[in-house]
C-alpha atoms as a PDB file:
ATOM      1  CA  MET A   1       3.548 -86.939 -37.288  1.00  0.00           C
ATOM      2  CA  LEU A   2       5.256 -84.281 -35.149  1.00  0.00           C
ATOM      3  CA  THR A   3       6.640 -87.001 -32.878  1.00  0.00           C
ATOM      4  CA  TYR A   4       8.290 -88.649 -35.865  1.00  0.00           C
ATOM      5  CA  ALA A   5       9.465 -85.288 -37.228  1.00  0.00           C
ATOM      6  CA  GLY A   6      11.202 -84.615 -33.914  1.00  0.00           C
ATOM      7  CA  GLU A   7      12.905 -87.998 -34.049  1.00  0.00           C
ATOM      8  CA  LEU A   8      14.079 -87.406 -37.616  1.00  0.00           C
ATOM      9  CA  GLU A   9      15.318 -83.923 -36.748  1.00  0.00           C
ATOM     10  CA  GLY A  10      17.572 -85.400 -34.063  1.00  0.00           C
ATOM     11  CA  ALA A  11      17.650 -82.239 -31.943  1.00  0.00           C
ATOM     12  CA  GLY A  12      15.811 -83.753 -28.977  1.00  0.00           C
ATOM     13  CA  ARG A  13      12.573 -81.885 -29.598  1.00  0.00           C
ATOM     14  CA  ASP A  14       9.294 -83.704 -29.049  1.00  0.00           C
ATOM     15  CA  GLU A  15       5.898 -82.933 -30.568  1.00  0.00           C
ATOM     16  CA  ASP A  16       5.118 -80.319 -27.897  1.00  0.00           C
ATOM     17  CA  ALA A  17       8.384 -78.483 -28.514  1.00  0.00           C
ATOM     18  CA  LEU A  18       7.768 -78.495 -32.252  1.00  0.00           C
ATOM     19  CA  ALA A  19       4.181 -77.277 -31.900  1.00  0.00           C
ATOM     20  CA  TYR A  20       4.426 -74.879 -28.982  1.00  0.00           C
ATOM     21  CA  LEU A  21       7.990 -73.654 -28.674  1.00  0.00           C
ATOM     22  CA  ARG A  22       8.868 -72.476 -32.164  1.00  0.00           C
ATOM     23  CA  GLY A  23       8.577 -68.928 -33.394  1.00  0.00           C
ATOM     24  CA  PRO A  24       6.943 -67.972 -36.687  1.00  0.00           C
ATOM     25  CA  ASP A  25      10.228 -67.945 -38.612  1.00  0.00           C
ATOM     26  CA  GLU A  26      10.794 -71.612 -37.708  1.00  0.00           C
ATOM     27  CA  PHE A  27       7.566 -72.776 -39.351  1.00  0.00           C
ATOM     28  CA  ARG A  28       7.575 -73.999 -42.953  1.00  0.00           C
ATOM     29  CA  ASN A  29       4.013 -73.914 -44.194  1.00  0.00           C
ATOM     30  CA  CYS A  30       2.030 -72.527 -47.065  1.00  0.00           C
ATOM     31  CA  LEU A  31       0.632 -69.056 -46.479  1.00  0.00           C
ATOM     32  CA  LEU A  32      -2.910 -70.297 -47.117  1.00  0.00           C
ATOM     33  CA  VAL A  33      -3.105 -71.825 -43.633  1.00  0.00           C
ATOM     34  CA  GLU A  34      -2.266 -68.514 -41.947  1.00  0.00           C
ATOM     35  CA  LEU A  35      -4.997 -66.357 -43.405  1.00  0.00           C
ATOM     36  CA  PRO A  36      -7.998 -65.449 -41.266  1.00  0.00           C
ATOM     37  CA  ASP A  37     -11.457 -66.578 -42.270  1.00  0.00           C
ATOM     38  CA  GLU A  38     -13.503 -63.696 -43.618  1.00  0.00           C
ATOM     39  CA  ASP A  39     -16.645 -65.799 -43.260  1.00  0.00           C
ATOM     40  CA  PHE A  40     -17.893 -69.388 -43.535  1.00  0.00           C
ATOM     41  CA  ALA A  41     -17.336 -69.390 -47.303  1.00  0.00           C
ATOM     42  CA  TRP A  42     -13.643 -68.641 -46.741  1.00  0.00           C
ATOM     43  CA  ALA A  43     -13.406 -71.462 -44.204  1.00  0.00           C
ATOM     44  CA  ILE A  44     -15.022 -73.943 -46.590  1.00  0.00           C
ATOM     45  CA  THR A  45     -12.951 -72.806 -49.567  1.00  0.00           C
ATOM     46  CA  ARG A  46      -9.728 -73.134 -47.584  1.00  0.00           C
ATOM     47  CA  LEU A  47     -10.872 -76.578 -46.402  1.00  0.00           C
ATOM     48  CA  LEU A  48     -11.511 -77.620 -50.006  1.00  0.00           C
ATOM     49  CA  PHE A  49      -8.112 -76.417 -51.220  1.00  0.00           C
ATOM     50  CA  LEU A  50      -6.181 -77.871 -48.279  1.00  0.00           C
ATOM     51  CA  SER A  51      -8.000 -81.175 -47.969  1.00  0.00           C
ATOM     52  CA  ALA A  52      -7.533 -81.873 -51.694  1.00  0.00           C
ATOM     53  CA  HIS A  53      -3.817 -81.206 -51.236  1.00  0.00           C
ATOM     54  CA  GLN A  54      -3.569 -83.302 -48.068  1.00  0.00           C
ATOM     55  CA  TRP A  55      -5.476 -86.225 -49.560  1.00  0.00           C
ATOM     56  CA  LEU A  56      -3.053 -86.334 -52.485  1.00  0.00           C
ATOM     57  CA  ARG A  57       0.028 -85.803 -50.300  1.00  0.00           C
ATOM     58  CA  TYR A  58      -0.887 -88.456 -47.753  1.00  0.00           C
ATOM     59  CA  GLY A  59      -1.709 -90.877 -50.551  1.00  0.00           C
ATOM     60  CA  GLU A  60       1.787 -90.395 -51.968  1.00  0.00           C
ATOM     61  CA  LEU A  61       3.411 -90.760 -48.546  1.00  0.00           C
ATOM     62  CA  ALA A  62       1.384 -93.886 -47.769  1.00  0.00           C
ATOM     63  CA  ALA A  63       2.965 -95.511 -50.823  1.00  0.00           C
ATOM     64  CA  GLY A  64       6.449 -94.210 -50.020  1.00  0.00           C
ATOM     65  CA  PRO A  65       9.583 -96.046 -48.899  1.00  0.00           C
ATOM     66  CA  ASP A  66       9.564 -94.947 -45.225  1.00  0.00           C
ATOM     67  CA  PRO A  67       7.420 -97.550 -43.420  1.00  0.00           C
ATOM     68  CA  ARG A  68       6.678 -95.405 -40.371  1.00  0.00           C
ATOM     69  CA  LEU A  69       5.706 -92.390 -42.436  1.00  0.00           C
ATOM     70  CA  ALA A  70       3.648 -94.649 -44.714  1.00  0.00           C
ATOM     71  CA  GLU A  71       1.756 -95.970 -41.680  1.00  0.00           C
ATOM     72  CA  ILE A  72       1.029 -92.460 -40.395  1.00  0.00           C
ATOM     73  CA  ALA A  73      -0.021 -91.296 -43.868  1.00  0.00           C
ATOM     74  CA  ALA A  74      -2.286 -94.311 -44.413  1.00  0.00           C
ATOM     75  CA  ARG A  75      -4.326 -93.230 -41.394  1.00  0.00           C
ATOM     76  CA  ALA A  76      -4.234 -89.567 -42.386  1.00  0.00           C
ATOM     77  CA  VAL A  77      -5.433 -90.200 -45.949  1.00  0.00           C
ATOM     78  CA  LYS A  78      -8.694 -91.608 -44.566  1.00  0.00           C
ATOM     79  CA  GLU A  79      -9.274 -88.523 -42.436  1.00  0.00           C
ATOM     80  CA  SER A  80      -8.359 -86.260 -45.357  1.00  0.00           C
ATOM     81  CA  ALA A  81     -10.916 -88.027 -47.560  1.00  0.00           C
ATOM     82  CA  TYR A  82     -13.597 -87.245 -44.983  1.00  0.00           C
ATOM     83  CA  HIS A  83     -12.572 -83.566 -44.880  1.00  0.00           C
ATOM     84  CA  LEU A  84     -12.479 -83.379 -48.670  1.00  0.00           C
ATOM     85  CA  ASP A  85     -15.962 -84.862 -48.956  1.00  0.00           C
ATOM     86  CA  HIS A  86     -17.264 -82.412 -46.331  1.00  0.00           C
ATOM     87  CA  ALA A  87     -15.681 -79.481 -48.187  1.00  0.00           C
ATOM     88  CA  ARG A  88     -17.081 -80.616 -51.543  1.00  0.00           C
ATOM     89  CA  LEU A  89     -20.606 -80.894 -50.142  1.00  0.00           C
ATOM     90  CA  TRP A  90     -20.485 -77.446 -48.540  1.00  0.00           C
ATOM     91  CA  THR A  91     -18.881 -75.915 -51.630  1.00  0.00           C
ATOM     92  CA  LYS A  92     -21.803 -77.191 -53.703  1.00  0.00           C
ATOM     93  CA  ARG A  93     -24.406 -76.025 -51.155  1.00  0.00           C
ATOM     94  CA  LEU A  94     -22.956 -72.541 -50.959  1.00  0.00           C
ATOM     95  CA  GLY A  95     -21.914 -72.059 -54.583  1.00  0.00           C
ATOM     96  CA  ASP A  96     -25.171 -73.396 -55.947  1.00  0.00           C
ATOM     97  CA  GLY A  97     -27.314 -71.962 -53.148  1.00  0.00           C
ATOM     98  CA  THR A  98     -28.656 -68.477 -52.573  1.00  0.00           C
ATOM     99  CA  PRO A  99     -27.347 -65.434 -54.450  1.00  0.00           C
ATOM    100  CA  GLU A 100     -25.659 -64.314 -51.216  1.00  0.00           C
ATOM    101  CA  SER A 101     -23.939 -67.657 -50.566  1.00  0.00           C
ATOM    102  CA  ARG A 102     -22.800 -67.757 -54.198  1.00  0.00           C
ATOM    103  CA  ARG A 103     -21.410 -64.221 -53.953  1.00  0.00           C
ATOM    104  CA  ARG A 104     -19.488 -65.157 -50.823  1.00  0.00           C
ATOM    105  CA  MET A 105     -18.117 -68.376 -52.331  1.00  0.00           C
ATOM    106  CA  THR A 106     -17.044 -66.541 -55.474  1.00  0.00           C
ATOM    107  CA  ALA A 107     -15.232 -63.976 -53.316  1.00  0.00           C
ATOM    108  CA  ALA A 108     -13.604 -66.695 -51.203  1.00  0.00           C
ATOM    109  CA  VAL A 109     -12.369 -68.660 -54.206  1.00  0.00           C
ATOM    110  CA  ALA A 110     -10.989 -65.475 -55.790  1.00  0.00           C
ATOM    111  CA  GLY A 111      -9.412 -64.289 -52.538  1.00  0.00           C
ATOM    112  CA  LEU A 112      -7.738 -67.571 -51.636  1.00  0.00           C
ATOM    113  CA  TRP A 113      -6.812 -68.790 -55.130  1.00  0.00           C
ATOM    114  CA  PRO A 114      -3.490 -66.892 -55.392  1.00  0.00           C
ATOM    115  CA  PHE A 115      -2.260 -68.722 -52.295  1.00  0.00           C
ATOM    116  CA  THR A 116      -2.825 -72.139 -53.871  1.00  0.00           C
ATOM    117  CA  LEU A 117       0.173 -71.799 -56.168  1.00  0.00           C
ATOM    118  CA  GLU A 118       2.460 -72.282 -53.156  1.00  0.00           C
ATOM    119  CA  LEU A 119       0.373 -75.188 -51.920  1.00  0.00           C
ATOM    120  CA  VAL A 120       0.788 -78.039 -54.357  1.00  0.00           C
ATOM    121  CA  GLU A 121       3.517 -79.762 -56.299  1.00  0.00           C
ATOM    122  CA  ASN A 122       1.199 -82.124 -58.208  1.00  0.00           C
ATOM    123  CA  ARG A 123      -0.980 -79.325 -59.511  1.00  0.00           C
ATOM    124  CA  ALA A 124      -2.638 -81.340 -62.302  1.00  0.00           C
ATOM    125  CA  ALA A 125      -4.063 -83.932 -59.894  1.00  0.00           C
ATOM    126  CA  TRP A 126      -5.050 -81.211 -57.426  1.00  0.00           C
ATOM    127  CA  LEU A 127      -6.758 -79.166 -60.152  1.00  0.00           C
ATOM    128  CA  GLU A 128      -8.737 -82.207 -61.240  1.00  0.00           C
ATOM    129  CA  ILE A 129     -10.202 -82.503 -57.737  1.00  0.00           C
ATOM    130  CA  VAL A 130     -10.739 -78.787 -57.165  1.00  0.00           C
ATOM    131  CA  ASP A 131     -12.071 -78.090 -60.658  1.00  0.00           C
ATOM    132  CA  GLY A 132     -14.604 -80.891 -60.187  1.00  0.00           C
ATOM    133  CA  ALA A 133     -15.793 -79.438 -56.896  1.00  0.00           C
ATOM    134  CA  LEU A 134     -16.021 -75.924 -58.342  1.00  0.00           C
ATOM    135  CA  ALA A 135     -17.899 -77.176 -61.410  1.00  0.00           C
ATOM    136  CA  ASP A 136     -20.378 -79.070 -59.209  1.00  0.00           C
ATOM    137  CA  ALA A 137     -20.966 -75.794 -57.379  1.00  0.00           C
ATOM    138  CA  THR A 138     -21.265 -73.818 -60.642  1.00  0.00           C
ATOM    139  CA  LEU A 139     -18.240 -71.756 -59.613  1.00  0.00           C
ATOM    140  CA  GLU A 140     -15.408 -70.752 -61.910  1.00  0.00           C
ATOM    141  CA  ARG A 141     -11.731 -71.194 -61.270  1.00  0.00           C
ATOM    142  CA  PRO A 142      -9.877 -67.860 -61.263  1.00  0.00           C
ATOM    143  CA  ALA A 143      -6.834 -67.282 -63.424  1.00  0.00           C
ATOM    144  CA  ASP A 144      -3.480 -67.851 -61.763  1.00  0.00           C
ATOM    145  CA  PRO A 145      -1.840 -64.565 -60.746  1.00  0.00           C
ATOM    146  CA  ALA A 146       1.402 -63.548 -62.434  1.00  0.00           C
ATOM    147  CA  ASP A 147       3.078 -62.877 -59.077  1.00  0.00           C
ATOM    148  CA  PRO A 148       1.508 -65.166 -56.451  1.00  0.00           C
ATOM    149  CA  PRO A 149       2.217 -64.722 -52.744  1.00  0.00           C
ATOM    150  CA  THR A 150       4.879 -67.170 -51.578  1.00  0.00           C
ATOM    151  CA  GLY A 151       7.488 -67.566 -48.878  1.00  0.00           C
ATOM    152  CA  GLY A 152       5.779 -69.513 -46.126  1.00  0.00           C
ATOM    153  CA  ARG A 153       7.773 -72.651 -46.809  1.00  0.00           C
ATOM    154  CA  ALA A 154      10.946 -70.569 -46.597  1.00  0.00           C
ATOM    155  CA  GLY A 155       9.965 -69.100 -43.219  1.00  0.00           C
ATOM    156  CA  ARG A 156       8.540 -65.812 -44.539  1.00  0.00           C
ATOM    157  CA  HIS A 157       5.015 -65.436 -43.254  1.00  0.00           C
ATOM    158  CA  THR A 158       2.062 -63.097 -43.033  1.00  0.00           C
ATOM    159  CA  PRO A 159       1.529 -61.221 -39.756  1.00  0.00           C
ATOM    160  CA  HIS A 160      -1.411 -63.551 -39.150  1.00  0.00           C
ATOM    161  CA  LEU A 161       0.846 -66.493 -38.263  1.00  0.00           C
ATOM    162  CA  ALA A 162       2.364 -64.707 -35.267  1.00  0.00           C
ATOM    163  CA  ALA A 163      -1.121 -63.984 -33.912  1.00  0.00           C
ATOM    164  CA  LEU A 164      -2.219 -67.596 -34.452  1.00  0.00           C
ATOM    165  CA  LEU A 165       0.862 -68.953 -32.716  1.00  0.00           C
ATOM    166  CA  GLU A 166       0.519 -66.534 -29.827  1.00  0.00           C
ATOM    167  CA  GLU A 167      -2.948 -67.858 -29.122  1.00  0.00           C
ATOM    168  CA  MET A 168      -2.117 -71.503 -29.825  1.00  0.00           C
ATOM    169  CA  GLN A 169       1.020 -71.482 -27.702  1.00  0.00           C
ATOM    170  CA  SER A 170      -0.181 -69.313 -24.811  1.00  0.00           C
ATOM    171  CA  LEU A 171      -1.184 -72.098 -22.417  1.00  0.00           C
ATOM    172  CA  HIS A 172       1.970 -74.119 -22.971  1.00  0.00           C
ATOM    173  CA  ARG A 173       4.172 -71.048 -22.575  1.00  0.00           C
ATOM    174  CA  ALA A 174       2.325 -69.980 -19.414  1.00  0.00           C
ATOM    175  CA  HIS A 175       2.932 -73.426 -17.892  1.00  0.00           C
ATOM    176  CA  PRO A 176       6.255 -74.666 -19.293  1.00  0.00           C
ATOM    177  CA  GLY A 177       7.006 -78.332 -18.870  1.00  0.00           C
ATOM    178  CA  VAL A 178       3.483 -79.281 -17.868  1.00  0.00           C
ATOM    179  CA  THR A 179       2.246 -82.621 -19.134  1.00  0.00           C
ATOM    180  CA  TRP A 180      -1.253 -83.023 -20.479  1.00  0.00           C
END
């Protein structure tokens, strides 16, 4: 997808330049993907929220008018379905498991929920998926916050993104121009 994004941008940047040579302010992403994992429950909860979003998004793109993007999305929707299924199963195991795993899942859902308001445009379809997974795990959906954290898609990020990019981009920046 980054290869195609570079072509559409028309600035001569390839997938490596887009992934490894941009600073935090050049990224347009939801803040949810930047946050560190407190524990396994946070990782699974984030996976549930994101994979539900990606499955819906790729499904829409696969049916869209751009044939190349539709082809990419058609492959990605299959992978997203796998991730969503994995997240649902672990959400149920942890939410409906031991008192400790339930406590951790409840904390993860509550801690990450405010960041979901920036995540999805088709919230009703997303909520149907997520609510089903939470119900299967006997977990409750938190109330939406009045003032949710936003800004990632406008280039305003948490300090965590800079740390993630520093690690992710370190090898490429240490050896510029190398091919893999």
